[in-house]
Amino acid sequence: MTNRIGPMDQGTLGKIGAKVDEASTGNKLAPDTSAADHSKAHPTSTSDTVNLTNSAKLLERLDQTLESLPAVNAERVTEIKVAIESGNFEIDSQAIADAMIRLDRSFGE
């Protein structure tokens, strides 16, 4: 079965809207009282505490440091742009291949 995707005429939209309204009026849900009963049986604590591990604290500091750094090193981009325009930019294909191999091997670990 396939459905055609495209613009709909206003008459079709009106029929669909009426069917949705009809379907929604017949399906009424009773309020959920199980959550209210559960909260009465088990009162909530008012003195919850959270203790962060040293790793979490380190990650938070690292995150703050990274946020303070620029997303792009504009100076390096300018250097590379000038080198490309002047024809002095050299591509080290061996270094690129080695990095790709290291990356691929790291996925297998």
N, C-alpha and C. Protein backbone atom coordinates (compact mmCIF):
# COMPACT_ATOMS: atom_id res chain seq x y z
N MET A 1 0.84 -1.17 0.00
CA MET A 1 0.00 0.00 0.00
C MET A 1 0.89 1.23 0.00
N THR A 2 0.53 2.22 -0.77
CA THR A 2 1.31 3.45 -0.82
C THR A 2 0.39 4.63 -0.55
N ASN A 3 0.98 5.66 -0.01
CA ASN A 3 0.25 6.91 0.22
C ASN A 3 0.93 8.01 -0.57
N ARG A 4 0.15 8.75 -1.27
CA ARG A 4 0.68 9.87 -2.05
C ARG A 4 0.93 11.03 -1.12
N ILE A 5 2.11 11.60 -1.19
CA ILE A 5 2.45 12.76 -0.38
C ILE A 5 2.40 13.98 -1.27
N GLY A 6 1.63 14.94 -0.87
CA GLY A 6 1.52 16.15 -1.67
C GLY A 6 0.47 17.05 -1.07
N PRO A 7 0.14 18.12 -1.77
CA PRO A 7 -0.83 19.06 -1.22
C PRO A 7 -2.21 18.43 -1.15
N MET A 8 -2.98 18.82 -0.13
CA MET A 8 -4.35 18.33 0.04
C MET A 8 -5.30 19.48 -0.22
N ASP A 9 -6.45 19.13 -0.76
CA ASP A 9 -7.45 20.18 -0.93
C ASP A 9 -8.16 20.41 0.40
N GLN A 10 -8.77 21.57 0.55
CA GLN A 10 -9.41 21.96 1.81
C GLN A 10 -10.55 21.04 2.20
N GLY A 11 -11.27 20.48 1.23
CA GLY A 11 -12.36 19.56 1.52
C GLY A 11 -11.87 18.31 2.23
N THR A 12 -10.75 17.78 1.77
CA THR A 12 -10.17 16.59 2.40
C THR A 12 -9.71 16.90 3.82
N LEU A 13 -9.08 18.05 4.00
CA LEU A 13 -8.63 18.45 5.33
C LEU A 13 -9.80 18.56 6.29
N GLY A 14 -10.92 19.11 5.83
CA GLY A 14 -12.10 19.24 6.69
C GLY A 14 -12.63 17.89 7.13
N LYS A 15 -12.64 16.91 6.21
CA LYS A 15 -13.13 15.57 6.55
C LYS A 15 -12.21 14.90 7.56
N ILE A 16 -10.91 15.08 7.38
CA ILE A 16 -9.95 14.47 8.32
C ILE A 16 -10.12 15.09 9.69
N GLY A 17 -10.25 16.41 9.75
CA GLY A 17 -10.42 17.09 11.03
C GLY A 17 -11.67 16.64 11.75
N ALA A 18 -12.77 16.43 11.02
CA ALA A 18 -14.02 15.98 11.63
C ALA A 18 -13.85 14.58 12.20
N LYS A 19 -13.15 13.70 11.49
CA LYS A 19 -12.94 12.33 11.98
C LYS A 19 -12.07 12.33 13.24
N VAL A 20 -11.08 13.19 13.29
CA VAL A 20 -10.23 13.28 14.47
C VAL A 20 -11.06 13.75 15.66
N ASP A 21 -11.91 14.77 15.45
CA ASP A 21 -12.76 15.27 16.53
C ASP A 21 -13.71 14.19 17.03
N GLU A 22 -14.32 13.43 16.10
CA GLU A 22 -15.24 12.37 16.48
C GLU A 22 -14.52 11.30 17.29
N ALA A 23 -13.33 10.93 16.88
CA ALA A 23 -12.58 9.88 17.56
C ALA A 23 -12.16 10.32 18.96
N SER A 24 -11.82 11.58 19.10
CA SER A 24 -11.34 12.04 20.40
C SER A 24 -12.45 12.18 21.42
N THR A 25 -13.70 12.42 20.99
CA THR A 25 -14.79 12.59 21.95
C THR A 25 -15.20 11.28 22.58
N GLY A 26 -15.02 10.16 21.92
CA GLY A 26 -15.43 8.88 22.46
C GLY A 26 -14.39 8.22 23.35
N ASN A 27 -13.18 8.70 23.35
CA ASN A 27 -12.10 8.08 24.10
C ASN A 27 -11.73 8.94 25.29
N LYS A 28 -12.47 8.83 26.35
CA LYS A 28 -12.16 9.60 27.55
C LYS A 28 -11.50 8.67 28.55
N LEU A 29 -10.46 9.16 29.18
CA LEU A 29 -9.72 8.36 30.14
C LEU A 29 -10.12 8.74 31.56
N ALA A 30 -10.14 7.75 32.43
CA ALA A 30 -10.40 8.03 33.84
C ALA A 30 -9.12 8.58 34.45
N PRO A 31 -9.25 9.46 35.41
CA PRO A 31 -8.05 10.01 36.04
C PRO A 31 -7.26 8.91 36.72
N ASP A 32 -5.94 9.04 36.67
CA ASP A 32 -5.06 8.05 37.27
C ASP A 32 -4.93 8.34 38.75
N THR A 33 -5.48 7.48 39.59
CA THR A 33 -5.42 7.70 41.03
C THR A 33 -4.32 6.89 41.67
N SER A 34 -3.67 6.01 40.92
CA SER A 34 -2.63 5.18 41.52
C SER A 34 -1.44 6.02 41.96
N ALA A 35 -1.11 7.06 41.23
CA ALA A 35 0.01 7.92 41.61
C ALA A 35 -0.29 8.67 42.89
N ALA A 36 -1.51 9.12 43.06
CA ALA A 36 -1.89 9.84 44.27
C ALA A 36 -1.87 8.90 45.47
N ASP A 37 -2.36 7.67 45.31
CA ASP A 37 -2.35 6.71 46.40
C ASP A 37 -0.93 6.34 46.80
N HIS A 38 -0.04 6.24 45.81
CA HIS A 38 1.35 5.88 46.08
C HIS A 38 2.06 6.97 46.86
N SER A 39 1.77 8.22 46.55
CA SER A 39 2.44 9.32 47.24
C SER A 39 2.00 9.41 48.69
N LYS A 40 0.77 8.99 49.01
CA LYS A 40 0.30 9.01 50.39
C LYS A 40 0.99 7.91 51.20
N ALA A 41 1.24 6.78 50.57
CA ALA A 41 1.84 5.65 51.27
C ALA A 41 3.32 5.89 51.54
N HIS A 42 4.01 6.60 50.65
CA HIS A 42 5.44 6.84 50.78
C HIS A 42 5.71 8.34 50.73
N PRO A 43 5.80 9.01 51.87
CA PRO A 43 6.05 10.45 51.85
C PRO A 43 7.43 10.74 51.26
N THR A 44 7.55 11.85 50.56
CA THR A 44 8.81 12.21 49.92
C THR A 44 9.77 12.80 50.95
N SER A 45 11.03 12.59 50.71
CA SER A 45 12.07 13.12 51.59
C SER A 45 12.33 14.57 51.23
N THR A 46 12.61 15.38 52.22
CA THR A 46 12.90 16.79 51.97
C THR A 46 14.38 17.10 52.06
N SER A 47 15.22 16.09 52.30
CA SER A 47 16.65 16.35 52.43
C SER A 47 17.46 15.49 51.48
N ASP A 48 17.12 15.52 50.21
CA ASP A 48 17.88 14.78 49.20
C ASP A 48 19.21 15.46 48.96
N THR A 49 20.25 14.67 48.77
CA THR A 49 21.58 15.22 48.49
C THR A 49 22.17 14.49 47.29
N VAL A 50 23.07 15.17 46.62
CA VAL A 50 23.77 14.60 45.48
C VAL A 50 25.26 14.79 45.73
N ASN A 51 26.02 13.72 45.58
CA ASN A 51 27.47 13.78 45.73
C ASN A 51 28.10 13.45 44.39
N LEU A 52 28.89 14.37 43.87
CA LEU A 52 29.56 14.15 42.59
C LEU A 52 30.90 13.46 42.82
N THR A 53 31.22 12.53 41.93
CA THR A 53 32.51 11.87 42.01
C THR A 53 33.60 12.82 41.52
N ASN A 54 34.84 12.47 41.80
CA ASN A 54 35.96 13.28 41.32
C ASN A 54 35.97 13.34 39.80
N SER A 55 35.60 12.24 39.15
CA SER A 55 35.55 12.22 37.69
C SER A 55 34.51 13.19 37.17
N ALA A 56 33.36 13.23 37.82
CA ALA A 56 32.30 14.15 37.39
C ALA A 56 32.74 15.60 37.57
N LYS A 57 33.43 15.87 38.67
CA LYS A 57 33.94 17.23 38.90
C LYS A 57 34.97 17.61 37.85
N LEU A 58 35.84 16.66 37.50
CA LEU A 58 36.86 16.90 36.47
C LEU A 58 36.19 17.15 35.12
N LEU A 59 35.17 16.37 34.79
CA LEU A 59 34.46 16.57 33.53
C LEU A 59 33.77 17.93 33.49
N GLU A 60 33.23 18.37 34.61
CA GLU A 60 32.59 19.69 34.67
C GLU A 60 33.62 20.79 34.41
N ARG A 61 34.80 20.69 35.02
CA ARG A 61 35.85 21.70 34.79
C ARG A 61 36.30 21.67 33.33
N LEU A 62 36.45 20.47 32.77
CA LEU A 62 36.86 20.33 31.38
C LEU A 62 35.81 20.96 30.46
N ASP A 63 34.55 20.73 30.75
CA ASP A 63 33.46 21.30 29.96
C ASP A 63 33.50 22.83 30.01
N GLN A 64 33.73 23.38 31.18
CA GLN A 64 33.82 24.85 31.32
C GLN A 64 35.01 25.40 30.55
N THR A 65 36.13 24.68 30.58
CA THR A 65 37.32 25.13 29.84
C THR A 65 37.06 25.10 28.34
N LEU A 66 36.45 24.03 27.87
CA LEU A 66 36.16 23.92 26.44
C LEU A 66 35.19 24.99 25.97
N GLU A 67 34.21 25.34 26.83
CA GLU A 67 33.26 26.39 26.46
C GLU A 67 33.93 27.75 26.31
N SER A 68 35.02 27.96 27.03
CA SER A 68 35.70 29.25 26.95
C SER A 68 36.60 29.37 25.72
N LEU A 69 36.92 28.24 25.08
CA LEU A 69 37.77 28.27 23.89
C LEU A 69 36.95 28.55 22.64
N PRO A 70 37.54 29.22 21.66
CA PRO A 70 36.80 29.45 20.41
C PRO A 70 36.59 28.14 19.66
N ALA A 71 35.49 28.03 18.95
CA ALA A 71 35.17 26.82 18.21
C ALA A 71 36.13 26.61 17.03
N VAL A 72 36.65 27.70 16.48
CA VAL A 72 37.54 27.64 15.33
C VAL A 72 38.78 28.47 15.63
N ASN A 73 39.94 27.91 15.32
CA ASN A 73 41.20 28.63 15.49
C ASN A 73 41.39 29.49 14.24
N ALA A 74 40.92 30.73 14.33
CA ALA A 74 40.93 31.64 13.18
C ALA A 74 42.34 31.87 12.64
N GLU A 75 43.31 31.92 13.53
CA GLU A 75 44.70 32.15 13.10
C GLU A 75 45.20 30.99 12.24
N ARG A 76 44.90 29.77 12.66
CA ARG A 76 45.33 28.59 11.90
C ARG A 76 44.61 28.52 10.56
N VAL A 77 43.34 28.87 10.53
CA VAL A 77 42.57 28.87 9.28
C VAL A 77 43.19 29.85 8.30
N THR A 78 43.57 31.02 8.79
CA THR A 78 44.19 32.04 7.93
C THR A 78 45.52 31.53 7.38
N GLU A 79 46.34 30.89 8.24
CA GLU A 79 47.63 30.34 7.79
C GLU A 79 47.42 29.34 6.65
N ILE A 80 46.47 28.44 6.83
CA ILE A 80 46.23 27.40 5.82
C ILE A 80 45.69 28.03 4.53
N LYS A 81 44.82 29.01 4.68
CA LYS A 81 44.24 29.69 3.51
C LYS A 81 45.34 30.35 2.68
N VAL A 82 46.25 31.04 3.35
CA VAL A 82 47.35 31.73 2.66
C VAL A 82 48.26 30.70 1.98
N ALA A 83 48.54 29.58 2.67
CA ALA A 83 49.40 28.56 2.09
C ALA A 83 48.76 27.92 0.86
N ILE A 84 47.46 27.69 0.90
CA ILE A 84 46.76 27.12 -0.26
C ILE A 84 46.79 28.09 -1.43
N GLU A 85 46.47 29.36 -1.15
CA GLU A 85 46.44 30.37 -2.22
C GLU A 85 47.81 30.58 -2.85
N SER A 86 48.87 30.47 -2.07
CA SER A 86 50.21 30.68 -2.60
C SER A 86 50.81 29.40 -3.21
N GLY A 87 50.12 28.27 -3.03
CA GLY A 87 50.61 27.01 -3.58
C GLY A 87 51.63 26.33 -2.70
N ASN A 88 51.78 26.76 -1.46
CA ASN A 88 52.77 26.20 -0.55
C ASN A 88 52.19 25.17 0.43
N PHE A 89 50.91 24.87 0.33
CA PHE A 89 50.29 23.93 1.26
C PHE A 89 50.59 22.52 0.79
N GLU A 90 51.25 21.75 1.65
CA GLU A 90 51.61 20.38 1.29
C GLU A 90 50.75 19.41 2.10
N ILE A 91 50.29 18.38 1.42
CA ILE A 91 49.48 17.36 2.06
C ILE A 91 50.37 16.16 2.31
N ASP A 92 50.44 15.73 3.57
CA ASP A 92 51.23 14.56 3.94
C ASP A 92 50.30 13.35 3.93
N SER A 93 50.23 12.69 2.78
CA SER A 93 49.30 11.57 2.63
C SER A 93 49.65 10.42 3.56
N GLN A 94 50.91 10.23 3.87
CA GLN A 94 51.31 9.14 4.78
C GLN A 94 50.78 9.41 6.20
N ALA A 95 50.87 10.66 6.65
CA ALA A 95 50.37 11.01 7.98
C ALA A 95 48.85 10.85 8.05
N ILE A 96 48.17 11.21 6.97
CA ILE A 96 46.71 11.06 6.92
C ILE A 96 46.34 9.57 6.96
N ALA A 97 47.05 8.76 6.19
CA ALA A 97 46.77 7.32 6.16
C ALA A 97 47.04 6.69 7.52
N ASP A 98 48.13 7.07 8.16
CA ASP A 98 48.45 6.54 9.49
C ASP A 98 47.37 6.91 10.51
N ALA A 99 46.89 8.14 10.46
CA ALA A 99 45.85 8.58 11.38
C ALA A 99 44.55 7.83 11.14
N MET A 100 44.24 7.57 9.88
CA MET A 100 43.02 6.82 9.56
C MET A 100 43.12 5.37 10.06
N ILE A 101 44.29 4.78 9.94
CA ILE A 101 44.49 3.41 10.41
C ILE A 101 44.38 3.36 11.93
N ARG A 102 45.00 4.33 12.63
CA ARG A 102 44.88 4.39 14.10
C ARG A 102 43.44 4.53 14.53
N LEU A 103 42.70 5.38 13.84
CA LEU A 103 41.28 5.58 14.17
C LEU A 103 40.50 4.29 13.96
N ASP A 104 40.74 3.61 12.85
CA ASP A 104 40.03 2.37 12.56
C ASP A 104 40.36 1.30 13.60
N ARG A 105 41.60 1.22 14.00
CA ARG A 105 42.00 0.22 15.01
C ARG A 105 41.40 0.54 16.37
N SER A 106 41.20 1.82 16.66
CA SER A 106 40.63 2.19 17.96
C SER A 106 39.18 1.75 18.09
N PHE A 107 38.47 1.58 16.98
CA PHE A 107 37.10 1.11 17.02
C PHE A 107 37.02 -0.37 17.37
N GLY A 108 38.10 -1.13 17.06
CA GLY A 108 38.10 -2.55 17.31
C GLY A 108 38.46 -2.91 18.75
N GLU A 109 38.89 -1.93 19.51
CA GLU A 109 39.31 -2.22 20.89
C GLU A 109 38.18 -2.38 21.84
